[in-house]
Amino acid sequence: MTRRIDPDQLAMFDVADSPVPKAPPKPGTGKVTWAKYHGTLAMKCDDCMAVLAANHGNAPASRQAHYKRSQGGTYLLLCYAHAHQRREDEGLV
């Protein structure tokens, strides 16, 4: 028995091509450093969570964090898309 896959249902779950909304900027001072995030627990992207909070839950699903951006005494855990966005904004691409 073979299953027939409806192409309309596949289109519903395609999130790879969706644009990533920008998170509200946070002012910071100090040198920015980047590192890969290899935590023992899977953490969500801080910018994805900020977008969800700013839009009262009406935003794309949050993604897993893969990068750690440190500046001064604070850090952000970021997904691939938000890390790329921040690097472009800082001129580090």
PDB file of N, CA and C in Angstrom:
ATOM      1  N   MET A   1       0.844  -1.178   0.000  1.00  0.00           N
ATOM      2  CA  MET A   1       0.000   0.000   0.000  1.00  0.00           C
ATOM      3  C   MET A   1       0.886   1.237   0.000  1.00  0.00           C
ATOM      4  N   THR A   2       0.666   2.120  -0.924  1.00  0.00           N
ATOM      5  CA  THR A   2       1.435   3.357  -0.987  1.00  0.00           C
ATOM      6  C   THR A   2       0.559   4.518  -0.562  1.00  0.00           C
ATOM      7  N   ARG A   3       1.201   5.478   0.071  1.00  0.00           N
ATOM      8  CA  ARG A   3       0.478   6.673   0.506  1.00  0.00           C
ATOM      9  C   ARG A   3       0.613   7.759  -0.536  1.00  0.00           C
ATOM     10  N   ARG A   4      -0.476   8.430  -0.761  1.00  0.00           N
ATOM     11  CA  ARG A   4      -0.469   9.566  -1.675  1.00  0.00           C
ATOM     12  C   ARG A   4      -0.303  10.831  -0.848  1.00  0.00           C
ATOM     13  N   ILE A   5       0.670  11.652  -1.211  1.00  0.00           N
ATOM     14  CA  ILE A   5       0.941  12.888  -0.482  1.00  0.00           C
ATOM     15  C   ILE A   5       0.322  14.048  -1.243  1.00  0.00           C
ATOM     16  N   ASP A   6      -0.505  14.786  -0.540  1.00  0.00           N
ATOM     17  CA  ASP A   6      -1.174  15.942  -1.134  1.00  0.00           C
ATOM     18  C   ASP A   6      -0.187  17.108  -1.201  1.00  0.00           C
ATOM     19  N   PRO A   7       0.101  17.681  -2.384  1.00  0.00           N
ATOM     20  CA  PRO A   7       1.060  18.793  -2.483  1.00  0.00           C
ATOM     21  C   PRO A   7       0.612  20.046  -1.741  1.00  0.00           C
ATOM     22  N   ASP A   8      -0.701  20.217  -1.579  1.00  0.00           N
ATOM     23  CA  ASP A   8      -1.184  21.382  -0.836  1.00  0.00           C
ATOM     24  C   ASP A   8      -0.817  21.289   0.636  1.00  0.00           C
ATOM     25  N   GLN A   9      -0.796  20.072   1.193  1.00  0.00           N
ATOM     26  CA  GLN A   9      -0.418  19.911   2.591  1.00  0.00           C
ATOM     27  C   GLN A   9       1.078  20.139   2.793  1.00  0.00           C
ATOM     28  N   LEU A  10       1.883  19.755   1.823  1.00  0.00           N
ATOM     29  CA  LEU A  10       3.322  20.001   1.930  1.00  0.00           C
ATOM     30  C   LEU A  10       3.609  21.491   1.960  1.00  0.00           C
ATOM     31  N   ALA A  11       2.857  22.260   1.206  1.00  0.00           N
ATOM     32  CA  ALA A  11       3.068  23.708   1.169  1.00  0.00           C
ATOM     33  C   ALA A  11       2.723  24.361   2.497  1.00  0.00           C
ATOM     34  N   MET A  12       1.822  23.761   3.273  1.00  0.00           N
ATOM     35  CA  MET A  12       1.433  24.339   4.560  1.00  0.00           C
ATOM     36  C   MET A  12       2.578  24.337   5.558  1.00  0.00           C
ATOM     37  N   PHE A  13       3.449  23.360   5.479  1.00  0.00           N
ATOM     38  CA  PHE A  13       4.483  23.196   6.491  1.00  0.00           C
ATOM     39  C   PHE A  13       5.867  23.611   6.026  1.00  0.00           C
ATOM     40  N   ASP A  14       5.978  24.277   4.907  1.00  0.00           N
ATOM     41  CA  ASP A  14       7.267  24.721   4.387  1.00  0.00           C
ATOM     42  C   ASP A  14       7.664  26.016   5.083  1.00  0.00           C
ATOM     43  N   VAL A  15       8.590  25.947   6.047  1.00  0.00           N
ATOM     44  CA  VAL A  15       9.011  27.131   6.788  1.00  0.00           C
ATOM     45  C   VAL A  15      10.415  27.587   6.406  1.00  0.00           C
ATOM     46  N   ALA A  16      11.105  26.849   5.574  1.00  0.00           N
ATOM     47  CA  ALA A  16      12.487  27.192   5.228  1.00  0.00           C
ATOM     48  C   ALA A  16      12.569  28.487   4.424  1.00  0.00           C
ATOM     49  N   ASP A  17      11.564  28.795   3.629  1.00  0.00           N
ATOM     50  CA  ASP A  17      11.623  29.972   2.771  1.00  0.00           C
ATOM     51  C   ASP A  17      10.982  31.202   3.394  1.00  0.00           C
ATOM     52  N   SER A  18      10.428  31.078   4.587  1.00  0.00           N
ATOM     53  CA  SER A  18       9.763  32.228   5.188  1.00  0.00           C
ATOM     54  C   SER A  18      10.792  33.239   5.678  1.00  0.00           C
ATOM     55  N   PRO A  19      10.523  34.536   5.503  1.00  0.00           N
ATOM     56  CA  PRO A  19      11.474  35.546   5.976  1.00  0.00           C
ATOM     57  C   PRO A  19      11.503  35.592   7.499  1.00  0.00           C
ATOM     58  N   VAL A  20      12.645  35.940   8.019  1.00  0.00           N
ATOM     59  CA  VAL A  20      12.825  36.002   9.463  1.00  0.00           C
ATOM     60  C   VAL A  20      12.567  37.435   9.921  1.00  0.00           C
ATOM     61  N   PRO A  21      11.586  37.645  10.802  1.00  0.00           N
ATOM     62  CA  PRO A  21      11.349  39.000  11.290  1.00  0.00           C
ATOM     63  C   PRO A  21      12.462  39.455  12.219  1.00  0.00           C
ATOM     64  N   LYS A  22      12.764  40.743  12.159  1.00  0.00           N
ATOM     65  CA  LYS A  22      13.823  41.294  13.011  1.00  0.00           C
ATOM     66  C   LYS A  22      13.321  41.487  14.425  1.00  0.00           C
ATOM     67  N   ALA A  23      14.208  41.226  15.375  1.00  0.00           N
ATOM     68  CA  ALA A  23      13.887  41.462  16.785  1.00  0.00           C
ATOM     69  C   ALA A  23      14.160  42.923  17.115  1.00  0.00           C
ATOM     70  N   PRO A  24      13.509  43.449  18.147  1.00  0.00           N
ATOM     71  CA  PRO A  24      13.793  44.830  18.549  1.00  0.00           C
ATOM     72  C   PRO A  24      15.254  44.969  18.964  1.00  0.00           C
ATOM     73  N   PRO A  25      15.947  46.021  18.506  1.00  0.00           N
ATOM     74  CA  PRO A  25      17.369  46.167  18.848  1.00  0.00           C
ATOM     75  C   PRO A  25      17.565  46.485  20.325  1.00  0.00           C
ATOM     76  N   LYS A  26      18.664  45.983  20.868  1.00  0.00           N
ATOM     77  CA  LYS A  26      19.023  46.266  22.250  1.00  0.00           C
ATOM     78  C   LYS A  26      20.376  46.976  22.243  1.00  0.00           C
ATOM     79  N   PRO A  27      20.447  48.164  22.818  1.00  0.00           N
ATOM     80  CA  PRO A  27      21.729  48.870  22.816  1.00  0.00           C
ATOM     81  C   PRO A  27      22.732  48.146  23.716  1.00  0.00           C
ATOM     82  N   GLY A  28      23.967  48.164  23.297  1.00  0.00           N
ATOM     83  CA  GLY A  28      25.009  47.526  24.084  1.00  0.00           C
ATOM     84  C   GLY A  28      26.346  48.190  23.812  1.00  0.00           C
ATOM     85  N   THR A  29      27.247  48.036  24.742  1.00  0.00           N
ATOM     86  CA  THR A  29      28.587  48.582  24.576  1.00  0.00           C
ATOM     87  C   THR A  29      29.588  47.456  24.773  1.00  0.00           C
ATOM     88  N   GLY A  30      30.719  47.617  24.184  1.00  0.00           N
ATOM     89  CA  GLY A  30      31.768  46.626  24.308  1.00  0.00           C
ATOM     90  C   GLY A  30      31.995  45.893  23.001  1.00  0.00           C
ATOM     91  N   LYS A  31      33.016  45.050  23.004  1.00  0.00           N
ATOM     92  CA  LYS A  31      33.382  44.298  21.823  1.00  0.00           C
ATOM     93  C   LYS A  31      32.426  43.116  21.647  1.00  0.00           C
ATOM     94  N   VAL A  32      32.028  42.875  20.407  1.00  0.00           N
ATOM     95  CA  VAL A  32      31.133  41.755  20.096  1.00  0.00           C
ATOM     96  C   VAL A  32      31.973  40.546  19.736  1.00  0.00           C
ATOM     97  N   THR A  33      31.667  39.401  20.358  1.00  0.00           N
ATOM     98  CA  THR A  33      32.329  38.144  20.018  1.00  0.00           C
ATOM     99  C   THR A  33      31.273  37.111  19.665  1.00  0.00           C
ATOM    100  N   TRP A  34      31.611  36.240  18.738  1.00  0.00           N
ATOM    101  CA  TRP A  34      30.711  35.191  18.274  1.00  0.00           C
ATOM    102  C   TRP A  34      31.312  33.831  18.581  1.00  0.00           C
ATOM    103  N   ALA A  35      30.461  32.871  18.908  1.00  0.00           N
ATOM    104  CA  ALA A  35      30.901  31.494  19.141  1.00  0.00           C
ATOM    105  C   ALA A  35      29.761  30.558  18.765  1.00  0.00           C
ATOM    106  N   LYS A  36      30.119  29.334  18.400  1.00  0.00           N
ATOM    107  CA  LYS A  36      29.102  28.311  18.173  1.00  0.00           C
ATOM    108  C   LYS A  36      28.531  27.920  19.524  1.00  0.00           C
ATOM    109  N   TYR A  37      27.237  27.679  19.583  1.00  0.00           N
ATOM    110  CA  TYR A  37      26.598  27.273  20.832  1.00  0.00           C
ATOM    111  C   TYR A  37      26.437  25.754  20.830  1.00  0.00           C
ATOM    112  N   HIS A  38      27.093  25.105  21.791  1.00  0.00           N
ATOM    113  CA  HIS A  38      27.010  23.656  21.949  1.00  0.00           C
ATOM    114  C   HIS A  38      26.523  23.343  23.356  1.00  0.00           C
ATOM    115  N   GLY A  39      25.341  23.782  23.672  1.00  0.00           N
ATOM    116  CA  GLY A  39      24.804  23.544  25.012  1.00  0.00           C
ATOM    117  C   GLY A  39      24.319  22.122  25.176  1.00  0.00           C
ATOM    118  N   THR A  40      24.241  21.667  26.422  1.00  0.00           N
ATOM    119  CA  THR A  40      23.738  20.325  26.676  1.00  0.00           C
ATOM    120  C   THR A  40      22.228  20.268  26.509  1.00  0.00           C
ATOM    121  N   LEU A  41      21.559  21.400  26.689  1.00  0.00           N
ATOM    122  CA  LEU A  41      20.123  21.488  26.476  1.00  0.00           C
ATOM    123  C   LEU A  41      19.845  22.279  25.211  1.00  0.00           C
ATOM    124  N   ALA A  42      18.820  21.885  24.490  1.00  0.00           N
ATOM    125  CA  ALA A  42      18.418  22.640  23.300  1.00  0.00           C
ATOM    126  C   ALA A  42      17.708  23.907  23.750  1.00  0.00           C
ATOM    127  N   MET A  43      18.249  25.052  23.372  1.00  0.00           N
ATOM    128  CA  MET A  43      17.673  26.341  23.759  1.00  0.00           C
ATOM    129  C   MET A  43      17.084  27.022  22.530  1.00  0.00           C
ATOM    130  N   LYS A  44      16.075  27.831  22.753  1.00  0.00           N
ATOM    131  CA  LYS A  44      15.449  28.587  21.681  1.00  0.00           C
ATOM    132  C   LYS A  44      16.224  29.869  21.414  1.00  0.00           C
ATOM    133  N   CYS A  45      16.102  30.375  20.196  1.00  0.00           N
ATOM    134  CA  CYS A  45      16.746  31.622  19.789  1.00  0.00           C
ATOM    135  C   CYS A  45      16.126  32.789  20.557  1.00  0.00           C
ATOM    136  N   ASP A  46      16.962  33.641  21.135  1.00  0.00           N
ATOM    137  CA  ASP A  46      16.476  34.790  21.896  1.00  0.00           C
ATOM    138  C   ASP A  46      15.735  35.792  21.017  1.00  0.00           C
ATOM    139  N   ASP A  47      16.208  36.005  19.783  1.00  0.00           N
ATOM    140  CA  ASP A  47      15.530  36.940  18.885  1.00  0.00           C
ATOM    141  C   ASP A  47      14.171  36.389  18.443  1.00  0.00           C
ATOM    142  N   CYS A  48      14.084  35.087  18.179  1.00  0.00           N
ATOM    143  CA  CYS A  48      12.794  34.484  17.825  1.00  0.00           C
ATOM    144  C   CYS A  48      11.800  34.658  18.967  1.00  0.00           C
ATOM    145  N   MET A  49      12.265  34.452  20.192  1.00  0.00           N
ATOM    146  CA  MET A  49      11.384  34.593  21.354  1.00  0.00           C
ATOM    147  C   MET A  49      10.985  36.059  21.557  1.00  0.00           C
ATOM    148  N   ALA A  50      11.896  36.999  21.271  1.00  0.00           N
ATOM    149  CA  ALA A  50      11.577  38.420  21.400  1.00  0.00           C
ATOM    150  C   ALA A  50      10.525  38.836  20.372  1.00  0.00           C
ATOM    151  N   VAL A  51      10.617  38.296  19.157  1.00  0.00           N
ATOM    152  CA  VAL A  51       9.627  38.591  18.124  1.00  0.00           C
ATOM    153  C   VAL A  51       8.268  38.042  18.541  1.00  0.00           C
ATOM    154  N   LEU A  52       8.246  36.825  19.088  1.00  0.00           N
ATOM    155  CA  LEU A  52       6.987  36.247  19.571  1.00  0.00           C
ATOM    156  C   LEU A  52       6.374  37.094  20.676  1.00  0.00           C
ATOM    157  N   ALA A  53       7.190  37.555  21.604  1.00  0.00           N
ATOM    158  CA  ALA A  53       6.685  38.371  22.716  1.00  0.00           C
ATOM    159  C   ALA A  53       6.183  39.727  22.221  1.00  0.00           C
ATOM    160  N   ALA A  54       6.912  40.345  21.285  1.00  0.00           N
ATOM    161  CA  ALA A  54       6.514  41.658  20.779  1.00  0.00           C
ATOM    162  C   ALA A  54       5.202  41.592  19.996  1.00  0.00           C
ATOM    163  N   ASN A  55       4.937  40.458  19.363  1.00  0.00           N
ATOM    164  CA  ASN A  55       3.721  40.300  18.562  1.00  0.00           C
ATOM    165  C   ASN A  55       2.642  39.509  19.288  1.00  0.00           C
ATOM    166  N   HIS A  56       2.784  39.328  20.574  1.00  0.00           N
ATOM    167  CA  HIS A  56       1.803  38.616  21.406  1.00  0.00           C
ATOM    168  C   HIS A  56       1.506  37.220  20.874  1.00  0.00           C
ATOM    169  N   GLY A  57       2.554  36.513  20.444  1.00  0.00           N
ATOM    170  CA  GLY A  57       2.421  35.138  19.979  1.00  0.00           C
ATOM    171  C   GLY A  57       2.032  34.987  18.529  1.00  0.00           C
ATOM    172  N   ASN A  58       1.819  36.071  17.830  1.00  0.00           N
ATOM    173  CA  ASN A  58       1.428  36.019  16.423  1.00  0.00           C
ATOM    174  C   ASN A  58       2.663  36.210  15.547  1.00  0.00           C
ATOM    175  N   ALA A  59       3.517  35.193  15.506  1.00  0.00           N
ATOM    176  CA  ALA A  59       4.769  35.251  14.742  1.00  0.00           C
ATOM    177  C   ALA A  59       5.173  33.829  14.382  1.00  0.00           C
ATOM    178  N   PRO A  60       6.173  33.670  13.510  1.00  0.00           N
ATOM    179  CA  PRO A  60       6.634  32.313  13.176  1.00  0.00           C
ATOM    180  C   PRO A  60       7.175  31.588  14.403  1.00  0.00           C
ATOM    181  N   ALA A  61       7.195  30.284  14.324  1.00  0.00           N
ATOM    182  CA  ALA A  61       7.691  29.459  15.427  1.00  0.00           C
ATOM    183  C   ALA A  61       9.156  29.765  15.705  1.00  0.00           C
ATOM    184  N   SER A  62       9.553  29.663  16.964  1.00  0.00           N
ATOM    185  CA  SER A  62      10.940  29.934  17.335  1.00  0.00           C
ATOM    186  C   SER A  62      11.829  28.770  16.906  1.00  0.00           C
ATOM    187  N   ARG A  63      13.075  29.082  16.624  1.00  0.00           N
ATOM    188  CA  ARG A  63      14.039  28.083  16.146  1.00  0.00           C
ATOM    189  C   ARG A  63      15.069  27.791  17.229  1.00  0.00           C
ATOM    190  N   GLN A  64      15.824  26.736  17.038  1.00  0.00           N
ATOM    191  CA  GLN A  64      16.867  26.351  17.983  1.00  0.00           C
ATOM    192  C   GLN A  64      18.090  27.261  17.829  1.00  0.00           C
ATOM    193  N   ALA A  65      18.735  27.562  18.935  1.00  0.00           N
ATOM    194  CA  ALA A  65      19.926  28.414  18.929  1.00  0.00           C
ATOM    195  C   ALA A  65      21.152  27.599  18.520  1.00  0.00           C
ATOM    196  N   HIS A  66      21.994  28.208  17.678  1.00  0.00           N
ATOM    197  CA  HIS A  66      23.229  27.569  17.228  1.00  0.00           C
ATOM    198  C   HIS A  66      24.445  28.480  17.404  1.00  0.00           C
ATOM    199  N   TYR A  67      24.225  29.753  17.726  1.00  0.00           N
ATOM    200  CA  TYR A  67      25.314  30.705  17.908  1.00  0.00           C
ATOM    201  C   TYR A  67      25.119  31.472  19.213  1.00  0.00           C
ATOM    202  N   LYS A  68      26.236  31.908  19.770  1.00  0.00           N
ATOM    203  CA  LYS A  68      26.223  32.726  20.979  1.00  0.00           C
ATOM    204  C   LYS A  68      26.932  34.039  20.655  1.00  0.00           C
ATOM    205  N   ARG A  69      26.222  35.143  20.820  1.00  0.00           N
ATOM    206  CA  ARG A  69      26.772  36.476  20.566  1.00  0.00           C
ATOM    207  C   ARG A  69      26.954  37.167  21.904  1.00  0.00           C
ATOM    208  N   SER A  70      28.203  37.479  22.253  1.00  0.00           N
ATOM    209  CA  SER A  70      28.502  38.133  23.526  1.00  0.00           C
ATOM    210  C   SER A  70      28.920  39.568  23.289  1.00  0.00           C
ATOM    211  N   GLN A  71      28.438  40.456  24.162  1.00  0.00           N
ATOM    212  CA  GLN A  71      28.820  41.869  24.100  1.00  0.00           C
ATOM    213  C   GLN A  71      28.790  42.407  25.516  1.00  0.00           C
ATOM    214  N   GLY A  72      29.932  42.844  25.984  1.00  0.00           N
ATOM    215  CA  GLY A  72      30.024  43.301  27.363  1.00  0.00           C
ATOM    216  C   GLY A  72      29.802  42.135  28.299  1.00  0.00           C
ATOM    217  N   GLY A  73      28.865  42.249  29.213  1.00  0.00           N
ATOM    218  CA  GLY A  73      28.571  41.160  30.129  1.00  0.00           C
ATOM    219  C   GLY A  73      27.318  40.380  29.763  1.00  0.00           C
ATOM    220  N   THR A  74      26.740  40.658  28.596  1.00  0.00           N
ATOM    221  CA  THR A  74      25.519  39.973  28.197  1.00  0.00           C
ATOM    222  C   THR A  74      25.761  39.103  26.975  1.00  0.00           C
ATOM    223  N   TYR A  75      24.871  38.158  26.751  1.00  0.00           N
ATOM    224  CA  TYR A  75      24.972  37.324  25.559  1.00  0.00           C
ATOM    225  C   TYR A  75      23.589  36.999  25.032  1.00  0.00           C
ATOM    226  N   LEU A  76      23.539  36.664  23.745  1.00  0.00           N
ATOM    227  CA  LEU A  76      22.317  36.238  23.078  1.00  0.00           C
ATOM    228  C   LEU A  76      22.574  34.888  22.434  1.00  0.00           C
ATOM    229  N   LEU A  77      21.606  33.994  22.531  1.00  0.00           N
ATOM    230  CA  LEU A  77      21.645  32.734  21.802  1.00  0.00           C
ATOM    231  C   LEU A  77      20.796  32.919  20.559  1.00  0.00           C
ATOM    232  N   LEU A  78      21.376  32.654  19.385  1.00  0.00           N
ATOM    233  CA  LEU A  78      20.706  32.973  18.119  1.00  0.00           C
ATOM    234  C   LEU A  78      20.655  31.778  17.180  1.00  0.00           C
ATOM    235  N   CYS A  79      19.587  31.710  16.389  1.00  0.00           N
ATOM    236  CA  CYS A  79      19.463  30.699  15.338  1.00  0.00           C
ATOM    237  C   CYS A  79      20.326  31.144  14.146  1.00  0.00           C
ATOM    238  N   TYR A  80      20.410  30.281  13.126  1.00  0.00           N
ATOM    239  CA  TYR A  80      21.216  30.610  11.952  1.00  0.00           C
ATOM    240  C   TYR A  80      20.748  31.909  11.285  1.00  0.00           C
ATOM    241  N   ALA A  81      19.436  32.050  11.104  1.00  0.00           N
ATOM    242  CA  ALA A  81      18.904  33.197  10.373  1.00  0.00           C
ATOM    243  C   ALA A  81      19.123  34.509  11.130  1.00  0.00           C
ATOM    244  N   HIS A  82      18.860  34.526  12.441  1.00  0.00           N
ATOM    245  CA  HIS A  82      19.055  35.760  13.201  1.00  0.00           C
ATOM    246  C   HIS A  82      20.539  36.085  13.391  1.00  0.00           C
ATOM    247  N   ALA A  83      21.383  35.073  13.483  1.00  0.00           N
ATOM    248  CA  ALA A  83      22.829  35.327  13.565  1.00  0.00           C
ATOM    249  C   ALA A  83      23.313  35.969  12.272  1.00  0.00           C
ATOM    250  N   HIS A  84      22.833  35.459  11.138  1.00  0.00           N
ATOM    251  CA  HIS A  84      23.213  36.040   9.851  1.00  0.00           C
ATOM    252  C   HIS A  84      22.718  37.478   9.736  1.00  0.00           C
ATOM    253  N   GLN A  85      21.498  37.711  10.207  1.00  0.00           N
ATOM    254  CA  GLN A  85      20.929  39.058  10.176  1.00  0.00           C
ATOM    255  C   GLN A  85      21.741  40.029  11.032  1.00  0.00           C
ATOM    256  N   ARG A  86      22.108  39.618  12.230  1.00  0.00           N
ATOM    257  CA  ARG A  86      22.898  40.484  13.119  1.00  0.00           C
ATOM    258  C   ARG A  86      24.281  40.754  12.539  1.00  0.00           C
ATOM    259  N   ARG A  87      24.899  39.741  11.949  1.00  0.00           N
ATOM    260  CA  ARG A  87      26.232  39.947  11.338  1.00  0.00           C
ATOM    261  C   ARG A  87      26.149  40.925  10.178  1.00  0.00           C
ATOM    262  N   GLU A  88      25.086  40.839   9.389  1.00  0.00           N
ATOM    263  CA  GLU A  88      24.909  41.800   8.287  1.00  0.00           C
ATOM    264  C   GLU A  88      24.753  43.213   8.838  1.00  0.00           C
ATOM    265  N   ASP A  89      23.961  43.369   9.903  1.00  0.00           N
ATOM    266  CA  ASP A  89      23.747  44.688  10.498  1.00  0.00           C
ATOM    267  C   ASP A  89      25.035  45.271  11.072  1.00  0.00           C
ATOM    268  N   GLU A  90      25.923  44.397  11.556  1.00  0.00           N
ATOM    269  CA  GLU A  90      27.185  44.851  12.148  1.00  0.00           C
ATOM    270  C   GLU A  90      28.310  44.933  11.127  1.00  0.00           C
ATOM    271  N   GLY A  91      28.039  44.512   9.886  1.00  0.00           N
ATOM    272  CA  GLY A  91      29.051  44.572   8.840  1.00  0.00           C
ATOM    273  C   GLY A  91      30.093  43.466   8.953  1.00  0.00           C
ATOM    274  N   LEU A  92      29.711  42.308   9.465  1.00  0.00           N
ATOM    275  CA  LEU A  92      30.670  41.216   9.671  1.00  0.00           C
ATOM    276  C   LEU A  92      30.462  40.051   8.704  1.00  0.00           C
ATOM    277  N   VAL A  93      29.660  40.237   7.654  1.00  0.00           N
ATOM    278  CA  VAL A  93      29.377  39.126   6.734  1.00  0.00           C
ATOM    279  C   VAL A  93      30.606  38.799   5.928  1.00  0.00           C
TER     280      VAL A  93
END
